[in-house]
Amino acid sequence: MRNRRAIFSVIASSIVLALTAVACEEDKSSEFDDQKLADADVPDRDLFNIDGATPPEGGAPVECKPSLPGQFDPVWKSPSKQEACSEDQITKYFDGCLDLDNDKTLASQSCKDFHAENKACADCIERDDNTGPVKTFRDRYYYEQNYPHCVALIQKEKGRDETCGQKYFEYEECVRQSCDSCFDVKGSVFQDYTDCLDKADDSGECKRRADEFDDNCFKKGYKVADGGAPECFAGNGRKPFFLNIIKLSCLKP
């Protein structure tokens, strides 16, 4: 259970809305072994609303239950490094698209300008098949850091198999797809989505996927120096996390 709580914390903390300017707060619930992750920032859940709706006052809480699509079959695609971005471009991408402290999101004009002026780099970071360092969903409405593919990329470079990255991805997709419909519930807030992720983490198909993830990642110590991919979790704070994972996937030599 502790391992699943740890990875759930990373999933929740890596999900960010693209169309809503949100503030950040310290993630005090992180249980990841790496202390650096305990300092990561996550979106302020109270500021998330669907279509500007406000949560009902005095009524029943919004109900958002996990529900997997009937034909759930996550398709794993092996990642590849693409030497498409300079360090300066990577920093500009973060500053223009992901810097929530300055109200920059994927929908910001600064982000649109970056894509127009740095197409090759932007296409590497936000890949159409979501194997890049930043995964986007619902027409770029929300996004996640791509830890699973980073793990697989680094492990492959070291001659290791990709079992951990694939099982990580399948588990992450299970909880995400189970709760993606929360974004359609009028009056829901971001906390409703993360609560749904927590429920999905504990039951049915996603629990089975979580157990496979535990067996192939945590029990093999994939974050320790000789165990797999500690590079994917290096940094101290939200910006260093993003810059690091983007560099691992897209930096020019």
C-alpha atoms as a PDB file:
ATOM      1  CA  MET A   1       0.000   0.000   0.000  1.00  0.00           C
ATOM      2  CA  ARG A   2       2.771   2.465   0.820  1.00  0.00           C
ATOM      3  CA  ASN A   3       4.302   2.053  -2.605  1.00  0.00           C
ATOM      4  CA  ARG A   4       1.000   2.740  -4.327  1.00  0.00           C
ATOM      5  CA  ARG A   5       0.454   5.798  -2.144  1.00  0.00           C
ATOM      6  CA  ALA A   6       3.904   6.993  -3.158  1.00  0.00           C
ATOM      7  CA  ILE A   7       3.268   6.726  -6.865  1.00  0.00           C
ATOM      8  CA  PHE A   8      -0.240   8.128  -6.511  1.00  0.00           C
ATOM      9  CA  SER A   9       1.336  11.209  -4.966  1.00  0.00           C
ATOM     10  CA  VAL A  10       3.555  11.639  -8.023  1.00  0.00           C
ATOM     11  CA  ILE A  11       0.638  11.160 -10.400  1.00  0.00           C
ATOM     12  CA  ALA A  12      -1.455  13.720  -8.534  1.00  0.00           C
ATOM     13  CA  SER A  13       1.396  16.205  -8.247  1.00  0.00           C
ATOM     14  CA  SER A  14       2.341  15.970 -11.917  1.00  0.00           C
ATOM     15  CA  ILE A  15      -1.148  16.738 -13.267  1.00  0.00           C
ATOM     16  CA  VAL A  16      -1.611  20.388 -14.148  1.00  0.00           C
ATOM     17  CA  LEU A  17      -4.430  22.234 -15.883  1.00  0.00           C
ATOM     18  CA  ALA A  18      -3.644  24.023 -19.094  1.00  0.00           C
ATOM     19  CA  LEU A  19      -6.585  26.414 -19.367  1.00  0.00           C
ATOM     20  CA  THR A  20      -6.869  27.585 -15.785  1.00  0.00           C
ATOM     21  CA  ALA A  21      -4.231  29.751 -14.135  1.00  0.00           C
ATOM     22  CA  VAL A  22      -3.607  28.059 -10.801  1.00  0.00           C
ATOM     23  CA  ALA A  23      -1.318  28.796  -7.903  1.00  0.00           C
ATOM     24  CA  CYS A  24       1.032  26.213  -6.394  1.00  0.00           C
ATOM     25  CA  GLU A  25       1.408  24.888  -2.926  1.00  0.00           C
ATOM     26  CA  GLU A  26       3.836  22.465  -1.336  1.00  0.00           C
ATOM     27  CA  ASP A  27       2.838  18.803  -1.618  1.00  0.00           C
ATOM     28  CA  LYS A  28       2.939  17.765   2.016  1.00  0.00           C
ATOM     29  CA  SER A  29       1.428  14.335   1.321  1.00  0.00           C
ATOM     30  CA  SER A  30       4.304  13.001  -0.761  1.00  0.00           C
ATOM     31  CA  GLU A  31       5.554   9.649   0.427  1.00  0.00           C
ATOM     32  CA  PHE A  32       8.185   9.128  -2.259  1.00  0.00           C
ATOM     33  CA  ASP A  33      11.447   7.765  -0.915  1.00  0.00           C
ATOM     34  CA  ASP A  34      13.388  10.504  -2.675  1.00  0.00           C
ATOM     35  CA  GLN A  35      13.264  13.496  -0.324  1.00  0.00           C
ATOM     36  CA  LYS A  36      13.644  15.844  -3.267  1.00  0.00           C
ATOM     37  CA  LEU A  37      10.148  14.940  -4.413  1.00  0.00           C
ATOM     38  CA  ALA A  38       8.726  15.995  -1.082  1.00  0.00           C
ATOM     39  CA  ASP A  39       9.564  19.577  -2.061  1.00  0.00           C
ATOM     40  CA  ALA A  40       7.652  19.426  -5.367  1.00  0.00           C
ATOM     41  CA  ASP A  41       4.865  21.900  -6.038  1.00  0.00           C
ATOM     42  CA  VAL A  42       1.364  20.838  -7.058  1.00  0.00           C
ATOM     43  CA  PRO A  43      -1.637  22.804  -8.336  1.00  0.00           C
ATOM     44  CA  ASP A  44      -3.893  24.419  -5.779  1.00  0.00           C
ATOM     45  CA  ARG A  45      -6.796  21.985  -5.931  1.00  0.00           C
ATOM     46  CA  ASP A  46      -9.323  24.505  -4.591  1.00  0.00           C
ATOM     47  CA  LEU A  47      -8.966  26.747  -7.655  1.00  0.00           C
ATOM     48  CA  PHE A  48      -9.942  24.153 -10.247  1.00  0.00           C
ATOM     49  CA  ASN A  49     -13.428  24.491 -11.750  1.00  0.00           C
ATOM     50  CA  ILE A  50     -15.128  23.088 -14.829  1.00  0.00           C
ATOM     51  CA  ASP A  51     -16.407  25.798 -17.188  1.00  0.00           C
ATOM     52  CA  GLY A  52     -16.227  28.362 -14.426  1.00  0.00           C
ATOM     53  CA  ALA A  53     -18.834  26.520 -12.349  1.00  0.00           C
ATOM     54  CA  THR A  54     -18.712  26.838  -8.597  1.00  0.00           C
ATOM     55  CA  PRO A  55     -19.136  23.875  -6.257  1.00  0.00           C
ATOM     56  CA  PRO A  56     -22.672  23.552  -4.874  1.00  0.00           C
ATOM     57  CA  GLU A  57     -23.186  25.332  -1.562  1.00  0.00           C
ATOM     58  CA  GLY A  58     -24.754  23.354   1.241  1.00  0.00           C
ATOM     59  CA  GLY A  59     -25.610  20.464  -1.050  1.00  0.00           C
ATOM     60  CA  ALA A  60     -24.194  17.013  -1.612  1.00  0.00           C
ATOM     61  CA  PRO A  61     -20.569  16.904  -2.738  1.00  0.00           C
ATOM     62  CA  VAL A  62     -19.890  16.303  -6.390  1.00  0.00           C
ATOM     63  CA  GLU A  63     -19.667  12.579  -7.018  1.00  0.00           C
ATOM     64  CA  CYS A  64     -16.905  11.341  -9.273  1.00  0.00           C
ATOM     65  CA  LYS A  65     -16.376   7.593  -9.143  1.00  0.00           C
ATOM     66  CA  PRO A  66     -13.608   5.686 -10.944  1.00  0.00           C
ATOM     67  CA  SER A  67     -14.868   4.069 -14.121  1.00  0.00           C
ATOM     68  CA  LEU A  68     -12.533   2.455 -16.639  1.00  0.00           C
ATOM     69  CA  PRO A  69     -13.477   2.517 -20.322  1.00  0.00           C
ATOM     70  CA  GLY A  70     -14.977  -0.799 -21.383  1.00  0.00           C
ATOM     71  CA  GLN A  71     -12.117  -1.586 -23.715  1.00  0.00           C
ATOM     72  CA  PHE A  72      -9.239  -0.427 -21.535  1.00  0.00           C
ATOM     73  CA  ASP A  73      -6.052  -1.591 -23.212  1.00  0.00           C
ATOM     74  CA  PRO A  74      -3.161   0.844 -22.709  1.00  0.00           C
ATOM     75  CA  VAL A  75      -0.747   0.760 -25.618  1.00  0.00           C
ATOM     76  CA  TRP A  76       2.895   1.093 -24.608  1.00  0.00           C
ATOM     77  CA  LYS A  77       5.238   2.842 -27.034  1.00  0.00           C
ATOM     78  CA  SER A  78       8.945   2.761 -26.305  1.00  0.00           C
ATOM     79  CA  PRO A  79      10.447   6.236 -25.925  1.00  0.00           C
ATOM     80  CA  SER A  80      13.404   7.617 -27.816  1.00  0.00           C
ATOM     81  CA  LYS A  81      15.695  10.551 -27.202  1.00  0.00           C
ATOM     82  CA  GLN A  82      15.400  13.321 -29.777  1.00  0.00           C
ATOM     83  CA  GLU A  83      18.152  15.930 -29.855  1.00  0.00           C
ATOM     84  CA  ALA A  84      15.874  18.846 -30.668  1.00  0.00           C
ATOM     85  CA  CYS A  85      16.269  21.521 -27.973  1.00  0.00           C
ATOM     86  CA  SER A  86      19.007  23.745 -26.601  1.00  0.00           C
ATOM     87  CA  GLU A  87      19.098  24.480 -22.871  1.00  0.00           C
ATOM     88  CA  ASP A  88      17.894  27.995 -23.606  1.00  0.00           C
ATOM     89  CA  GLN A  89      14.893  26.677 -25.547  1.00  0.00           C
ATOM     90  CA  ILE A  90      13.979  24.281 -22.753  1.00  0.00           C
ATOM     91  CA  THR A  91      14.046  27.102 -20.216  1.00  0.00           C
ATOM     92  CA  LYS A  92      11.947  29.305 -22.512  1.00  0.00           C
ATOM     93  CA  TYR A  93       9.424  26.500 -22.923  1.00  0.00           C
ATOM     94  CA  PHE A  94       8.987  26.201 -19.166  1.00  0.00           C
ATOM     95  CA  ASP A  95       8.819  29.967 -18.681  1.00  0.00           C
ATOM     96  CA  GLY A  96       6.251  30.359 -21.465  1.00  0.00           C
ATOM     97  CA  CYS A  97       4.094  27.268 -20.951  1.00  0.00           C
ATOM     98  CA  LEU A  98       4.469  25.814 -17.448  1.00  0.00           C
ATOM     99  CA  ASP A  99       5.402  28.677 -15.111  1.00  0.00           C
ATOM    100  CA  LEU A 100       2.277  28.770 -12.953  1.00  0.00           C
ATOM    101  CA  ASP A 101       3.804  31.368 -10.614  1.00  0.00           C
ATOM    102  CA  ASN A 102       3.543  33.792 -13.526  1.00  0.00           C
ATOM    103  CA  ASP A 103       0.206  32.470 -14.831  1.00  0.00           C
ATOM    104  CA  LYS A 104       1.776  30.697 -17.811  1.00  0.00           C
ATOM    105  CA  THR A 105      -0.055  27.629 -19.095  1.00  0.00           C
ATOM    106  CA  LEU A 106      -0.273  25.625 -22.319  1.00  0.00           C
ATOM    107  CA  ALA A 107      -3.028  28.022 -23.398  1.00  0.00           C
ATOM    108  CA  SER A 108      -0.946  31.180 -22.845  1.00  0.00           C
ATOM    109  CA  GLN A 109       0.035  33.314 -25.808  1.00  0.00           C
ATOM    110  CA  SER A 110       3.662  32.934 -24.738  1.00  0.00           C
ATOM    111  CA  CYS A 111       3.309  29.170 -25.142  1.00  0.00           C
ATOM    112  CA  LYS A 112       1.680  29.516 -28.545  1.00  0.00           C
ATOM    113  CA  ASP A 113       4.526  31.809 -29.582  1.00  0.00           C
ATOM    114  CA  PHE A 114       7.105  29.275 -28.397  1.00  0.00           C
ATOM    115  CA  HIS A 115       5.491  26.527 -30.460  1.00  0.00           C
ATOM    116  CA  ALA A 116       5.421  28.761 -33.537  1.00  0.00           C
ATOM    117  CA  GLU A 117       9.047  29.858 -33.188  1.00  0.00           C
ATOM    118  CA  ASN A 118      10.570  26.576 -31.934  1.00  0.00           C
ATOM    119  CA  LYS A 119       8.550  23.873 -33.675  1.00  0.00           C
ATOM    120  CA  ALA A 120      11.112  21.055 -33.582  1.00  0.00           C
ATOM    121  CA  CYS A 121      11.797  21.550 -29.892  1.00  0.00           C
ATOM    122  CA  ALA A 122       8.117  21.934 -28.987  1.00  0.00           C
ATOM    123  CA  ASP A 123       7.251  18.809 -30.983  1.00  0.00           C
ATOM    124  CA  CYS A 124       9.854  16.862 -29.024  1.00  0.00           C
ATOM    125  CA  ILE A 125       8.574  18.013 -25.655  1.00  0.00           C
ATOM    126  CA  GLU A 126       4.877  17.515 -26.465  1.00  0.00           C
ATOM    127  CA  ARG A 127       4.904  14.525 -28.801  1.00  0.00           C
ATOM    128  CA  ASP A 128       1.779  13.434 -30.616  1.00  0.00           C
ATOM    129  CA  ASP A 129       2.118   9.902 -29.231  1.00  0.00           C
ATOM    130  CA  ASN A 130       2.738  11.162 -25.663  1.00  0.00           C
ATOM    131  CA  THR A 131       6.167   9.536 -25.395  1.00  0.00           C
ATOM    132  CA  GLY A 132       7.816  12.898 -24.748  1.00  0.00           C
ATOM    133  CA  PRO A 133       8.568  14.502 -21.384  1.00  0.00           C
ATOM    134  CA  VAL A 134       5.243  16.374 -21.200  1.00  0.00           C
ATOM    135  CA  LYS A 135       2.070  14.383 -21.865  1.00  0.00           C
ATOM    136  CA  THR A 136      -1.055  16.342 -22.796  1.00  0.00           C
ATOM    137  CA  PHE A 137      -4.700  15.291 -22.667  1.00  0.00           C
ATOM    138  CA  ARG A 138      -8.083  16.618 -23.767  1.00  0.00           C
ATOM    139  CA  ASP A 139      -6.671  18.928 -26.424  1.00  0.00           C
ATOM    140  CA  ARG A 140      -3.946  20.125 -24.069  1.00  0.00           C
ATOM    141  CA  TYR A 141      -6.416  20.909 -21.261  1.00  0.00           C
ATOM    142  CA  TYR A 142      -4.226  19.188 -18.684  1.00  0.00           C
ATOM    143  CA  TYR A 143      -0.779  17.659 -18.709  1.00  0.00           C
ATOM    144  CA  GLU A 144       1.575  15.409 -16.786  1.00  0.00           C
ATOM    145  CA  GLN A 145       5.297  14.890 -16.447  1.00  0.00           C
ATOM    146  CA  ASN A 146       6.167  11.664 -18.235  1.00  0.00           C
ATOM    147  CA  TYR A 147       8.022   9.702 -15.569  1.00  0.00           C
ATOM    148  CA  PRO A 148       7.293   6.239 -17.054  1.00  0.00           C
ATOM    149  CA  HIS A 149       8.885   6.976 -20.406  1.00  0.00           C
ATOM    150  CA  CYS A 150      11.815   8.731 -18.768  1.00  0.00           C
ATOM    151  CA  VAL A 151      12.463   5.627 -16.661  1.00  0.00           C
ATOM    152  CA  ALA A 152      12.276   3.396 -19.739  1.00  0.00           C
ATOM    153  CA  LEU A 153      14.525   5.717 -21.721  1.00  0.00           C
ATOM    154  CA  ILE A 154      17.254   5.715 -19.084  1.00  0.00           C
ATOM    155  CA  GLN A 155      17.019   2.011 -18.383  1.00  0.00           C
ATOM    156  CA  LYS A 156      17.300   1.216 -22.070  1.00  0.00           C
ATOM    157  CA  GLU A 157      20.449   3.319 -22.318  1.00  0.00           C
ATOM    158  CA  LYS A 158      21.934   1.236 -19.510  1.00  0.00           C
ATOM    159  CA  GLY A 159      21.088  -2.024 -21.240  1.00  0.00           C
ATOM    160  CA  ARG A 160      18.202  -2.839 -18.890  1.00  0.00           C
ATOM    161  CA  ASP A 161      14.779  -4.021 -19.993  1.00  0.00           C
ATOM    162  CA  GLU A 162      11.821  -1.632 -20.053  1.00  0.00           C
ATOM    163  CA  THR A 163       9.510  -3.618 -17.775  1.00  0.00           C
ATOM    164  CA  CYS A 164       9.455  -0.967 -15.061  1.00  0.00           C
ATOM    165  CA  GLY A 165       8.621   1.905 -17.427  1.00  0.00           C
ATOM    166  CA  GLN A 166       5.879  -0.074 -19.141  1.00  0.00           C
ATOM    167  CA  LYS A 167       4.245  -1.241 -15.907  1.00  0.00           C
ATOM    168  CA  TYR A 168       4.541   2.302 -14.543  1.00  0.00           C
ATOM    169  CA  PHE A 169       2.762   3.602 -17.668  1.00  0.00           C
ATOM    170  CA  GLU A 170       0.005   0.978 -17.564  1.00  0.00           C
ATOM    171  CA  TYR A 171      -0.759   1.718 -13.927  1.00  0.00           C
ATOM    172  CA  GLU A 172      -0.694   5.471 -14.459  1.00  0.00           C
ATOM    173  CA  GLU A 173      -3.033   5.172 -17.452  1.00  0.00           C
ATOM    174  CA  CYS A 174      -5.392   2.959 -15.483  1.00  0.00           C
ATOM    175  CA  VAL A 175      -5.996   5.518 -12.738  1.00  0.00           C
ATOM    176  CA  ARG A 176      -5.991   8.449 -15.166  1.00  0.00           C
ATOM    177  CA  GLN A 177      -8.505   6.921 -17.557  1.00  0.00           C
ATOM    178  CA  SER A 178     -10.648   5.793 -14.630  1.00  0.00           C
ATOM    179  CA  CYS A 179     -11.048   9.413 -13.551  1.00  0.00           C
ATOM    180  CA  ASP A 180     -10.751  11.445 -16.749  1.00  0.00           C
ATOM    181  CA  SER A 181     -14.542  11.748 -16.848  1.00  0.00           C
ATOM    182  CA  CYS A 182     -14.345  13.890 -13.681  1.00  0.00           C
ATOM    183  CA  PHE A 183     -13.527  16.785 -15.977  1.00  0.00           C
ATOM    184  CA  ASP A 184     -17.061  16.503 -17.406  1.00  0.00           C
ATOM    185  CA  VAL A 185     -18.850  16.761 -14.060  1.00  0.00           C
ATOM    186  CA  LYS A 186     -20.355  20.202 -13.577  1.00  0.00           C
ATOM    187  CA  GLY A 187     -19.304  21.820 -10.327  1.00  0.00           C
ATOM    188  CA  SER A 188     -16.338  19.530  -9.760  1.00  0.00           C
ATOM    189  CA  VAL A 189     -13.070  20.816  -8.370  1.00  0.00           C
ATOM    190  CA  PHE A 190      -9.565  19.487  -8.753  1.00  0.00           C
ATOM    191  CA  GLN A 191      -9.809  17.726  -5.394  1.00  0.00           C
ATOM    192  CA  ASP A 192     -12.641  15.611  -6.823  1.00  0.00           C
ATOM    193  CA  TYR A 193     -10.299  14.377  -9.539  1.00  0.00           C
ATOM    194  CA  THR A 194      -7.467  13.532  -7.160  1.00  0.00           C
ATOM    195  CA  ASP A 195      -9.938  11.856  -4.785  1.00  0.00           C
ATOM    196  CA  CYS A 196     -11.076   9.730  -7.704  1.00  0.00           C
ATOM    197  CA  LEU A 197      -7.473   8.791  -8.499  1.00  0.00           C
ATOM    198  CA  ASP A 198      -7.077   7.668  -4.909  1.00  0.00           C
ATOM    199  CA  LYS A 199     -10.156   5.445  -5.139  1.00  0.00           C
ATOM    200  CA  ALA A 200      -9.061   3.958  -8.468  1.00  0.00           C
ATOM    201  CA  ASP A 201      -5.679   3.193  -6.967  1.00  0.00           C
ATOM    202  CA  ASP A 202      -7.273   0.855  -4.420  1.00  0.00           C
ATOM    203  CA  SER A 203      -9.654  -1.241  -6.469  1.00  0.00           C
ATOM    204  CA  GLY A 204     -10.178  -3.609  -9.375  1.00  0.00           C
ATOM    205  CA  GLU A 205      -8.034  -3.488 -12.463  1.00  0.00           C
ATOM    206  CA  CYS A 206      -5.965  -0.546 -11.276  1.00  0.00           C
ATOM    207  CA  LYS A 207      -5.037  -2.311  -8.057  1.00  0.00           C
ATOM    208  CA  ARG A 208      -3.772  -5.225 -10.139  1.00  0.00           C
ATOM    209  CA  ARG A 209      -1.766  -2.827 -12.304  1.00  0.00           C
ATOM    210  CA  ALA A 210      -0.430  -1.157  -9.161  1.00  0.00           C
ATOM    211  CA  ASP A 211       0.771  -4.496  -7.818  1.00  0.00           C
ATOM    212  CA  GLU A 212       2.600  -5.180 -11.099  1.00  0.00           C
ATOM    213  CA  PHE A 213       4.183  -1.747 -10.876  1.00  0.00           C
ATOM    214  CA  ASP A 214       5.309  -2.464  -7.321  1.00  0.00           C
ATOM    215  CA  ASP A 215       6.849  -5.769  -8.372  1.00  0.00           C
ATOM    216  CA  ASN A 216       8.726  -4.349 -11.352  1.00  0.00           C
ATOM    217  CA  CYS A 217       9.804  -0.966  -9.987  1.00  0.00           C
ATOM    218  CA  PHE A 218       9.765  -0.451  -6.249  1.00  0.00           C
ATOM    219  CA  LYS A 219      10.940  -3.918  -5.297  1.00  0.00           C
ATOM    220  CA  LYS A 220      13.848  -3.551  -7.720  1.00  0.00           C
ATOM    221  CA  GLY A 221      14.802  -0.131  -6.369  1.00  0.00           C
ATOM    222  CA  TYR A 222      14.476   1.713  -9.670  1.00  0.00           C
ATOM    223  CA  LYS A 223      15.341   5.092  -8.169  1.00  0.00           C
ATOM    224  CA  VAL A 224      18.535   4.153  -6.379  1.00  0.00           C
ATOM    225  CA  ALA A 225      21.911   4.779  -7.983  1.00  0.00           C
ATOM    226  CA  ASP A 226      22.385   1.253  -9.309  1.00  0.00           C
ATOM    227  CA  GLY A 227      18.716   0.341  -9.667  1.00  0.00           C
ATOM    228  CA  GLY A 228      17.396   2.072 -12.732  1.00  0.00           C
ATOM    229  CA  ALA A 229      16.578   5.717 -13.311  1.00  0.00           C
ATOM    230  CA  PRO A 230      17.270   8.156 -10.486  1.00  0.00           C
ATOM    231  CA  GLU A 231      18.010  10.821 -13.115  1.00  0.00           C
ATOM    232  CA  CYS A 232      14.283  11.112 -13.845  1.00  0.00           C
ATOM    233  CA  PHE A 233      13.588  12.287 -10.286  1.00  0.00           C
ATOM    234  CA  ALA A 234      16.472  14.688  -9.790  1.00  0.00           C
ATOM    235  CA  GLY A 235      15.895  18.304  -8.924  1.00  0.00           C
ATOM    236  CA  ASN A 236      14.521  20.485  -6.164  1.00  0.00           C
ATOM    237  CA  GLY A 237      11.244  22.208  -6.935  1.00  0.00           C
ATOM    238  CA  ARG A 238       8.801  22.170  -9.808  1.00  0.00           C
ATOM    239  CA  LYS A 239      10.916  24.005 -12.392  1.00  0.00           C
ATOM    240  CA  PRO A 240      14.065  21.876 -11.909  1.00  0.00           C
ATOM    241  CA  PHE A 241      11.938  18.713 -12.149  1.00  0.00           C
ATOM    242  CA  PHE A 242      10.488  19.763 -15.494  1.00  0.00           C
ATOM    243  CA  LEU A 243      13.759  21.096 -16.899  1.00  0.00           C
ATOM    244  CA  ASN A 244      15.560  17.899 -15.949  1.00  0.00           C
ATOM    245  CA  ILE A 245      13.084  15.472 -17.467  1.00  0.00           C
ATOM    246  CA  ILE A 246      12.853  17.551 -20.670  1.00  0.00           C
ATOM    247  CA  LYS A 247      16.643  17.630 -20.996  1.00  0.00           C
ATOM    248  CA  LEU A 248      16.834  13.859 -20.614  1.00  0.00           C
ATOM    249  CA  SER A 249      14.445  13.462 -23.544  1.00  0.00           C
ATOM    250  CA  CYS A 250      15.189  16.368 -25.872  1.00  0.00           C
ATOM    251  CA  LEU A 251      18.488  18.158 -25.159  1.00  0.00           C
ATOM    252  CA  LYS A 252      20.977  18.592 -27.971  1.00  0.00           C
ATOM    253  CA  PRO A 253      24.534  17.422 -27.204  1.00  0.00           C
END
